[in-house]
């Protein structure tokens, strides 16, 4: 979406499914040891998960996911946060 942010669109996936997929990706990324130019390191990912239910505009769905993402970053990073709206 911008800078270091990405959007995953998961058709036919409910909120619980989105949370499970995000957690699986998060865990696999954080457990992987990356190596570049002889340097080893781990990275982490924080996810904000929202569901588009056709009752709100897509921009509102993205805003909810973005707010959840920033809550996760504020609360320690490397986690999956579900949108509350």
PDB file of N, CA and C in Angstrom:
ATOM      1  N   UNK A   1       0.834  -1.186   0.000  1.00  0.00           N
ATOM      2  CA  UNK A   1       0.000   0.000   0.000  1.00  0.00           C
ATOM      3  C   UNK A   1       0.875   1.245   0.000  1.00  0.00           C
ATOM      4  N   UNK A   2       1.944   1.168   0.748  1.00  0.00           N
ATOM      5  CA  UNK A   2       2.861   2.292   0.775  1.00  0.00           C
ATOM      6  C   UNK A   2       4.100   1.903   1.548  1.00  0.00           C
ATOM      7  N   UNK A   3       5.223   2.448   1.180  1.00  0.00           N
ATOM      8  CA  UNK A   3       6.460   2.216   1.906  1.00  0.00           C
ATOM      9  C   UNK A   3       6.693   0.763   2.232  1.00  0.00           C
ATOM     10  N   UNK A   4       6.472   0.406   3.464  1.00  0.00           N
ATOM     11  CA  UNK A   4       6.684  -0.967   3.915  1.00  0.00           C
ATOM     12  C   UNK A   4       5.371  -1.683   4.212  1.00  0.00           C
ATOM     13  N   UNK A   5       4.281  -1.197   3.669  1.00  0.00           N
ATOM     14  CA  UNK A   5       2.968  -1.794   3.905  1.00  0.00           C
ATOM     15  C   UNK A   5       2.471  -2.497   2.651  1.00  0.00           C
ATOM     16  N   UNK A   6       1.821  -3.637   2.869  1.00  0.00           N
ATOM     17  CA  UNK A   6       1.276  -4.439   1.781  1.00  0.00           C
ATOM     18  C   UNK A   6      -0.182  -4.744   2.077  1.00  0.00           C
ATOM     19  N   UNK A   7      -0.937  -4.983   1.040  1.00  0.00           N
ATOM     20  CA  UNK A   7      -2.334  -5.402   1.178  1.00  0.00           C
ATOM     21  C   UNK A   7      -2.448  -6.821   0.654  1.00  0.00           C
ATOM     22  N   UNK A   8      -3.071  -7.674   1.453  1.00  0.00           N
ATOM     23  CA  UNK A   8      -3.405  -9.025   1.007  1.00  0.00           C
ATOM     24  C   UNK A   8      -4.915  -9.066   0.825  1.00  0.00           C
ATOM     25  N   UNK A   9      -5.379  -9.410  -0.351  1.00  0.00           N
ATOM     26  CA  UNK A   9      -6.806  -9.582  -0.606  1.00  0.00           C
ATOM     27  C   UNK A   9      -7.080 -11.075  -0.609  1.00  0.00           C
ATOM     28  N   UNK A  10      -7.989 -11.495   0.237  1.00  0.00           N
ATOM     29  CA  UNK A  10      -8.282 -12.917   0.392  1.00  0.00           C
ATOM     30  C   UNK A  10      -9.767 -13.156   0.088  1.00  0.00           C
ATOM     31  N   UNK A  11     -10.108 -13.324  -1.192  1.00  0.00           N
ATOM     32  CA  UNK A  11     -11.515 -13.542  -1.563  1.00  0.00           C
ATOM     33  C   UNK A  11     -12.091 -14.764  -0.850  1.00  0.00           C
ATOM     34  N   UNK A  12     -13.356 -14.683  -0.536  1.00  0.00           N
ATOM     35  CA  UNK A  12     -14.085 -15.790   0.087  1.00  0.00           C
ATOM     36  C   UNK A  12     -13.461 -16.227   1.412  1.00  0.00           C
ATOM     37  N   UNK A  13     -12.881 -15.271   2.148  1.00  0.00           N
ATOM     38  CA  UNK A  13     -12.265 -15.559   3.442  1.00  0.00           C
ATOM     39  C   UNK A  13     -12.938 -14.678   4.494  1.00  0.00           C
ATOM     40  N   UNK A  14     -13.382 -15.296   5.580  1.00  0.00           N
ATOM     41  CA  UNK A  14     -13.990 -14.509   6.647  1.00  0.00           C
ATOM     42  C   UNK A  14     -12.902 -13.948   7.570  1.00  0.00           C
ATOM     43  N   UNK A  15     -13.315 -13.201   8.589  1.00  0.00           N
ATOM     44  CA  UNK A  15     -12.366 -12.545   9.482  1.00  0.00           C
ATOM     45  C   UNK A  15     -11.477 -13.551  10.203  1.00  0.00           C
ATOM     46  N   UNK A  16     -12.062 -14.642  10.647  1.00  0.00           N
ATOM     47  CA  UNK A  16     -11.293 -15.689  11.321  1.00  0.00           C
ATOM     48  C   UNK A  16     -10.249 -16.297  10.381  1.00  0.00           C
ATOM     49  N   UNK A  17     -10.643 -16.532   9.142  1.00  0.00           N
ATOM     50  CA  UNK A  17      -9.712 -17.070   8.158  1.00  0.00           C
ATOM     51  C   UNK A  17      -8.589 -16.099   7.862  1.00  0.00           C
ATOM     52  N   UNK A  18      -8.926 -14.810   7.755  1.00  0.00           N
ATOM     53  CA  UNK A  18      -7.913 -13.785   7.536  1.00  0.00           C
ATOM     54  C   UNK A  18      -6.924 -13.716   8.681  1.00  0.00           C
ATOM     55  N   UNK A  19      -7.441 -13.868   9.882  1.00  0.00           N
ATOM     56  CA  UNK A  19      -6.568 -13.867  11.064  1.00  0.00           C
ATOM     57  C   UNK A  19      -5.632 -15.075  11.052  1.00  0.00           C
ATOM     58  N   UNK A  20      -6.169 -16.251  10.726  1.00  0.00           N
ATOM     59  CA  UNK A  20      -5.356 -17.473  10.705  1.00  0.00           C
ATOM     60  C   UNK A  20      -4.263 -17.411   9.635  1.00  0.00           C
ATOM     61  N   UNK A  21      -4.625 -16.942   8.449  1.00  0.00           N
ATOM     62  CA  UNK A  21      -3.642 -16.835   7.373  1.00  0.00           C
ATOM     63  C   UNK A  21      -2.560 -15.825   7.741  1.00  0.00           C
ATOM     64  N   UNK A  22      -2.972 -14.692   8.279  1.00  0.00           N
ATOM     65  CA  UNK A  22      -2.008 -13.660   8.681  1.00  0.00           C
ATOM     66  C   UNK A  22      -1.062 -14.182   9.750  1.00  0.00           C
ATOM     67  N   UNK A  23      -1.597 -14.903  10.718  1.00  0.00           N
ATOM     68  CA  UNK A  23      -0.765 -15.442  11.800  1.00  0.00           C
ATOM     69  C   UNK A  23       0.225 -16.474  11.260  1.00  0.00           C
ATOM     70  N   UNK A  24      -0.212 -17.284  10.333  1.00  0.00           N
ATOM     71  CA  UNK A  24       0.686 -18.283   9.739  1.00  0.00           C
ATOM     72  C   UNK A  24       1.835 -17.597   9.005  1.00  0.00           C
ATOM     73  N   UNK A  25       1.521 -16.582   8.208  1.00  0.00           N
ATOM     74  CA  UNK A  25       2.569 -15.840   7.493  1.00  0.00           C
ATOM     75  C   UNK A  25       3.498 -15.157   8.488  1.00  0.00           C
ATOM     76  N   UNK A  26       2.925 -14.494   9.498  1.00  0.00           N
ATOM     77  CA  UNK A  26       3.710 -13.790  10.506  1.00  0.00           C
ATOM     78  C   UNK A  26       4.685 -14.731  11.200  1.00  0.00           C
ATOM     79  N   UNK A  27       4.203 -15.875  11.619  1.00  0.00           N
ATOM     80  CA  UNK A  27       5.043 -16.841  12.336  1.00  0.00           C
ATOM     81  C   UNK A  27       6.161 -17.374  11.443  1.00  0.00           C
ATOM     82  N   UNK A  28       5.836 -17.716  10.210  1.00  0.00           N
ATOM     83  CA  UNK A  28       6.856 -18.252   9.306  1.00  0.00           C
ATOM     84  C   UNK A  28       7.935 -17.214   8.999  1.00  0.00           C
ATOM     85  N   UNK A  29       7.530 -15.982   8.794  1.00  0.00           N
ATOM     86  CA  UNK A  29       8.505 -14.917   8.516  1.00  0.00           C
ATOM     87  C   UNK A  29       9.391 -14.680   9.734  1.00  0.00           C
ATOM     88  N   UNK A  30       8.806 -14.595  10.921  1.00  0.00           N
ATOM     89  CA  UNK A  30       9.610 -14.283  12.111  1.00  0.00           C
ATOM     90  C   UNK A  30      10.547 -15.421  12.500  1.00  0.00           C
ATOM     91  N   UNK A  31      10.215 -16.655  12.114  1.00  0.00           N
ATOM     92  CA  UNK A  31      11.075 -17.797  12.432  1.00  0.00           C
ATOM     93  C   UNK A  31      12.194 -18.006  11.409  1.00  0.00           C
ATOM     94  N   UNK A  32      12.055 -17.412  10.237  1.00  0.00           N
ATOM     95  CA  UNK A  32      13.027 -17.620   9.160  1.00  0.00           C
ATOM     96  C   UNK A  32      14.287 -16.783   9.392  1.00  0.00           C
ATOM     97  N   UNK A  33      15.421 -17.388   9.194  1.00  0.00           N
ATOM     98  CA  UNK A  33      16.693 -16.672   9.276  1.00  0.00           C
ATOM     99  C   UNK A  33      17.080 -16.221   7.866  1.00  0.00           C
ATOM    100  N   UNK A  34      17.121 -14.915   7.661  1.00  0.00           N
ATOM    101  CA  UNK A  34      17.499 -14.342   6.373  1.00  0.00           C
ATOM    102  C   UNK A  34      18.999 -14.089   6.361  1.00  0.00           C
ATOM    103  N   UNK A  35      19.587 -14.200   5.192  1.00  0.00           N
ATOM    104  CA  UNK A  35      21.016 -13.917   5.045  1.00  0.00           C
ATOM    105  C   UNK A  35      21.239 -13.086   3.791  1.00  0.00           C
ATOM    106  N   UNK A  36      21.956 -11.984   3.961  1.00  0.00           N
ATOM    107  CA  UNK A  36      22.327 -11.118   2.843  1.00  0.00           C
ATOM    108  C   UNK A  36      23.756 -10.648   3.068  1.00  0.00           C
ATOM    109  N   UNK A  37      24.575 -10.840   2.078  1.00  0.00           N
ATOM    110  CA  UNK A  37      25.973 -10.395   2.133  1.00  0.00           C
ATOM    111  C   UNK A  37      26.684 -10.870   3.402  1.00  0.00           C
ATOM    112  N   UNK A  38      26.446 -12.119   3.773  1.00  0.00           N
ATOM    113  CA  UNK A  38      27.110 -12.697   4.935  1.00  0.00           C
ATOM    114  C   UNK A  38      26.527 -12.291   6.278  1.00  0.00           C
ATOM    115  N   UNK A  39      25.478 -11.495   6.280  1.00  0.00           N
ATOM    116  CA  UNK A  39      24.839 -11.077   7.536  1.00  0.00           C
ATOM    117  C   UNK A  39      23.518 -11.827   7.697  1.00  0.00           C
ATOM    118  N   UNK A  40      23.310 -12.367   8.882  1.00  0.00           N
ATOM    119  CA  UNK A  40      22.074 -13.095   9.189  1.00  0.00           C
ATOM    120  C   UNK A  40      21.181 -12.221  10.057  1.00  0.00           C
ATOM    121  N   UNK A  41      19.875 -12.316   9.821  1.00  0.00           N
ATOM    122  CA  UNK A  41      18.948 -11.523  10.618  1.00  0.00           C
ATOM    123  C   UNK A  41      17.539 -12.100  10.516  1.00  0.00           C
ATOM    124  N   UNK A  42      16.713 -11.730  11.475  1.00  0.00           N
ATOM    125  CA  UNK A  42      15.285 -12.056  11.473  1.00  0.00           C
ATOM    126  C   UNK A  42      14.513 -10.773  11.211  1.00  0.00           C
ATOM    127  N   UNK A  43      13.328 -10.909  10.652  1.00  0.00           N
ATOM    128  CA  UNK A  43      12.437  -9.761  10.514  1.00  0.00           C
ATOM    129  C   UNK A  43      11.095 -10.129  11.134  1.00  0.00           C
ATOM    130  N   UNK A  44      10.302  -9.129  11.391  1.00  0.00           N
ATOM    131  CA  UNK A  44       8.970  -9.371  11.929  1.00  0.00           C
ATOM    132  C   UNK A  44       7.952  -8.635  11.069  1.00  0.00           C
ATOM    133  N   UNK A  45       6.698  -9.040  11.221  1.00  0.00           N
ATOM    134  CA  UNK A  45       5.607  -8.409  10.492  1.00  0.00           C
ATOM    135  C   UNK A  45       4.454  -8.185  11.447  1.00  0.00           C
ATOM    136  N   UNK A  46       3.793  -7.071  11.264  1.00  0.00           N
ATOM    137  CA  UNK A  46       2.580  -6.775  12.010  1.00  0.00           C
ATOM    138  C   UNK A  46       1.441  -6.674  11.001  1.00  0.00           C
ATOM    139  N   UNK A  47       0.325  -7.311  11.309  1.00  0.00           N
ATOM    140  CA  UNK A  47      -0.826  -7.339  10.405  1.00  0.00           C
ATOM    141  C   UNK A  47      -2.025  -6.646  11.032  1.00  0.00           C
ATOM    142  N   UNK A  48      -2.730  -5.872  10.240  1.00  0.00           N
ATOM    143  CA  UNK A  48      -4.043  -5.352  10.598  1.00  0.00           C
ATOM    144  C   UNK A  48      -5.045  -6.042   9.695  1.00  0.00           C
ATOM    145  N   UNK A  49      -6.013  -6.725  10.276  1.00  0.00           N
ATOM    146  CA  UNK A  49      -6.956  -7.538   9.490  1.00  0.00           C
ATOM    147  C   UNK A  49      -8.362  -6.946   9.594  1.00  0.00           C
ATOM    148  N   UNK A  50      -8.980  -6.732   8.447  1.00  0.00           N
ATOM    149  CA  UNK A  50     -10.364  -6.256   8.386  1.00  0.00           C
ATOM    150  C   UNK A  50     -11.083  -7.043   7.302  1.00  0.00           C
ATOM    151  N   UNK A  51     -12.393  -7.063   7.393  1.00  0.00           N
ATOM    152  CA  UNK A  51     -13.180  -7.763   6.383  1.00  0.00           C
ATOM    153  C   UNK A  51     -14.055  -6.748   5.641  1.00  0.00           C
ATOM    154  N   UNK A  52     -14.098  -6.895   4.346  1.00  0.00           N
ATOM    155  CA  UNK A  52     -14.958  -6.059   3.510  1.00  0.00           C
ATOM    156  C   UNK A  52     -16.264  -6.819   3.327  1.00  0.00           C
ATOM    157  N   UNK A  53     -17.329  -6.300   3.918  1.00  0.00           N
ATOM    158  CA  UNK A  53     -18.596  -7.032   3.904  1.00  0.00           C
ATOM    159  C   UNK A  53     -19.637  -6.403   2.979  1.00  0.00           C
ATOM    160  N   UNK A  54     -19.218  -5.570   2.061  1.00  0.00           N
ATOM    161  CA  UNK A  54     -20.080  -4.900   1.085  1.00  0.00           C
ATOM    162  C   UNK A  54     -21.054  -3.910   1.727  1.00  0.00           C
ATOM    163  N   UNK A  55     -20.998  -3.750   3.038  1.00  0.00           N
ATOM    164  CA  UNK A  55     -21.862  -2.789   3.712  1.00  0.00           C
ATOM    165  C   UNK A  55     -21.147  -1.457   3.910  1.00  0.00           C
ATOM    166  N   UNK A  56     -19.871  -1.432   3.635  1.00  0.00           N
ATOM    167  CA  UNK A  56     -19.112  -0.185   3.767  1.00  0.00           C
ATOM    168  C   UNK A  56     -18.206  -0.039   2.551  1.00  0.00           C
ATOM    169  N   UNK A  57     -17.750   1.147   2.333  1.00  0.00           N
ATOM    170  CA  UNK A  57     -16.882   1.401   1.195  1.00  0.00           C
ATOM    171  C   UNK A  57     -15.515   0.790   1.432  1.00  0.00           C
ATOM    172  N   UNK A  58     -14.840   0.453   0.344  1.00  0.00           N
ATOM    173  CA  UNK A  58     -13.524  -0.174   0.445  1.00  0.00           C
ATOM    174  C   UNK A  58     -12.547   0.719   1.205  1.00  0.00           C
ATOM    175  N   UNK A  59     -12.647   2.038   1.026  1.00  0.00           N
ATOM    176  CA  UNK A  59     -11.711   2.930   1.741  1.00  0.00           C
ATOM    177  C   UNK A  59     -11.908   2.832   3.249  1.00  0.00           C
ATOM    178  N   UNK A  60     -13.133   2.591   3.697  1.00  0.00           N
ATOM    179  CA  UNK A  60     -13.371   2.416   5.138  1.00  0.00           C
ATOM    180  C   UNK A  60     -12.773   1.105   5.631  1.00  0.00           C
ATOM    181  N   UNK A  61     -12.860   0.073   4.823  1.00  0.00           N
ATOM    182  CA  UNK A  61     -12.261  -1.210   5.167  1.00  0.00           C
ATOM    183  C   UNK A  61     -10.745  -1.064   5.293  1.00  0.00           C
ATOM    184  N   UNK A  62     -10.124  -0.374   4.334  1.00  0.00           N
ATOM    185  CA  UNK A  62      -8.681  -0.148   4.383  1.00  0.00           C
ATOM    186  C   UNK A  62      -8.293   0.694   5.596  1.00  0.00           C
ATOM    187  N   UNK A  63      -9.122   1.672   5.927  1.00  0.00           N
ATOM    188  CA  UNK A  63      -8.854   2.511   7.095  1.00  0.00           C
ATOM    189  C   UNK A  63      -8.897   1.668   8.373  1.00  0.00           C
ATOM    190  N   UNK A  64      -9.870   0.782   8.483  1.00  0.00           N
ATOM    191  CA  UNK A  64      -9.973  -0.095   9.660  1.00  0.00           C
ATOM    192  C   UNK A  64      -8.756  -1.008   9.773  1.00  0.00           C
ATOM    193  N   UNK A  65      -8.335  -1.576   8.650  1.00  0.00           N
ATOM    194  CA  UNK A  65      -7.148  -2.442   8.651  1.00  0.00           C
ATOM    195  C   UNK A  65      -5.914  -1.642   9.033  1.00  0.00           C
ATOM    196  N   UNK A  66      -5.794  -0.432   8.520  1.00  0.00           N
ATOM    197  CA  UNK A  66      -4.645   0.426   8.820  1.00  0.00           C
ATOM    198  C   UNK A  66      -4.608   0.805  10.299  1.00  0.00           C
ATOM    199  N   UNK A  67      -5.760   1.114  10.870  1.00  0.00           N
ATOM    200  CA  UNK A  67      -5.827   1.438  12.299  1.00  0.00           C
ATOM    201  C   UNK A  67      -5.423   0.238  13.146  1.00  0.00           C
ATOM    202  N   UNK A  68      -5.866  -0.950  12.760  1.00  0.00           N
ATOM    203  CA  UNK A  68      -5.480  -2.168  13.484  1.00  0.00           C
ATOM    204  C   UNK A  68      -3.975  -2.400  13.368  1.00  0.00           C
ATOM    205  N   UNK A  69      -3.422  -2.182  12.175  1.00  0.00           N
ATOM    206  CA  UNK A  69      -1.989  -2.328  11.960  1.00  0.00           C
ATOM    207  C   UNK A  69      -1.211  -1.407  12.902  1.00  0.00           C
ATOM    208  N   UNK A  70      -1.609  -0.159  12.988  1.00  0.00           N
ATOM    209  CA  UNK A  70      -0.878   0.783  13.837  1.00  0.00           C
ATOM    210  C   UNK A  70      -1.054   0.489  15.316  1.00  0.00           C
ATOM    211  N   UNK A  71      -2.201  -0.073  15.700  1.00  0.00           N
ATOM    212  CA  UNK A  71      -2.348  -0.536  17.095  1.00  0.00           C
ATOM    213  C   UNK A  71      -1.330  -1.630  17.387  1.00  0.00           C
ATOM    214  N   UNK A  72      -1.153  -2.536  16.434  1.00  0.00           N
ATOM    215  CA  UNK A  72      -0.172  -3.606  16.599  1.00  0.00           C
ATOM    216  C   UNK A  72       1.244  -3.074  16.682  1.00  0.00           C
ATOM    217  N   UNK A  73       1.568  -2.100  15.855  1.00  0.00           N
ATOM    218  CA  UNK A  73       2.913  -1.503  15.898  1.00  0.00           C
ATOM    219  C   UNK A  73       3.133  -0.790  17.228  1.00  0.00           C
ATOM    220  N   UNK A  74       2.112  -0.093  17.700  1.00  0.00           N
ATOM    221  CA  UNK A  74       2.213   0.650  18.963  1.00  0.00           C
ATOM    222  C   UNK A  74       2.365  -0.304  20.156  1.00  0.00           C
ATOM    223  N   UNK A  75       1.763  -1.470  20.054  1.00  0.00           N
ATOM    224  CA  UNK A  75       1.752  -2.428  21.167  1.00  0.00           C
ATOM    225  C   UNK A  75       2.820  -3.501  21.057  1.00  0.00           C
ATOM    226  N   UNK A  76       3.936  -3.201  20.378  1.00  0.00           N
ATOM    227  CA  UNK A  76       5.067  -4.115  20.393  1.00  0.00           C
ATOM    228  C   UNK A  76       5.430  -4.780  19.091  1.00  0.00           C
ATOM    229  N   UNK A  77       4.632  -4.635  18.071  1.00  0.00           N
ATOM    230  CA  UNK A  77       4.923  -5.209  16.753  1.00  0.00           C
ATOM    231  C   UNK A  77       4.893  -6.732  16.748  1.00  0.00           C
ATOM    232  N   UNK A  78       5.125  -7.305  15.578  1.00  0.00           N
ATOM    233  CA  UNK A  78       5.175  -8.747  15.371  1.00  0.00           C
ATOM    234  C   UNK A  78       3.914  -9.438  15.906  1.00  0.00           C
ATOM    235  N   UNK A  79       2.753  -8.977  15.432  1.00  0.00           N
ATOM    236  CA  UNK A  79       1.493  -9.536  15.883  1.00  0.00           C
ATOM    237  C   UNK A  79       0.400  -9.315  14.834  1.00  0.00           C
ATOM    238  N   UNK A  80      -0.696  -9.994  15.016  1.00  0.00           N
ATOM    239  CA  UNK A  80      -1.875  -9.846  14.159  1.00  0.00           C
ATOM    240  C   UNK A  80      -2.946  -9.160  14.992  1.00  0.00           C
ATOM    241  N   UNK A  81      -3.494  -8.067  14.459  1.00  0.00           N
ATOM    242  CA  UNK A  81      -4.521  -7.302  15.176  1.00  0.00           C
ATOM    243  C   UNK A  81      -5.768  -7.237  14.304  1.00  0.00           C
ATOM    244  N   UNK A  82      -6.903  -7.546  14.887  1.00  0.00           N
ATOM    245  CA  UNK A  82      -8.178  -7.543  14.170  1.00  0.00           C
ATOM    246  C   UNK A  82      -8.832  -6.181  14.305  1.00  0.00           C
ATOM    247  N   UNK A  83      -9.347  -5.667  13.199  1.00  0.00           N
ATOM    248  CA  UNK A  83     -10.070  -4.385  13.207  1.00  0.00           C
ATOM    249  C   UNK A  83     -11.297  -4.498  14.097  1.00  0.00           C
ATOM    250  N   UNK A  84     -11.582  -3.449  14.831  1.00  0.00           N
ATOM    251  CA  UNK A  84     -12.707  -3.469  15.770  1.00  0.00           C
ATOM    252  C   UNK A  84     -13.976  -2.878  15.189  1.00  0.00           C
ATOM    253  N   UNK A  85     -13.912  -2.298  14.007  1.00  0.00           N
ATOM    254  CA  UNK A  85     -15.106  -1.672  13.407  1.00  0.00           C
ATOM    255  C   UNK A  85     -15.684  -2.576  12.361  1.00  0.00           C
TER     256      UNK A  85
END
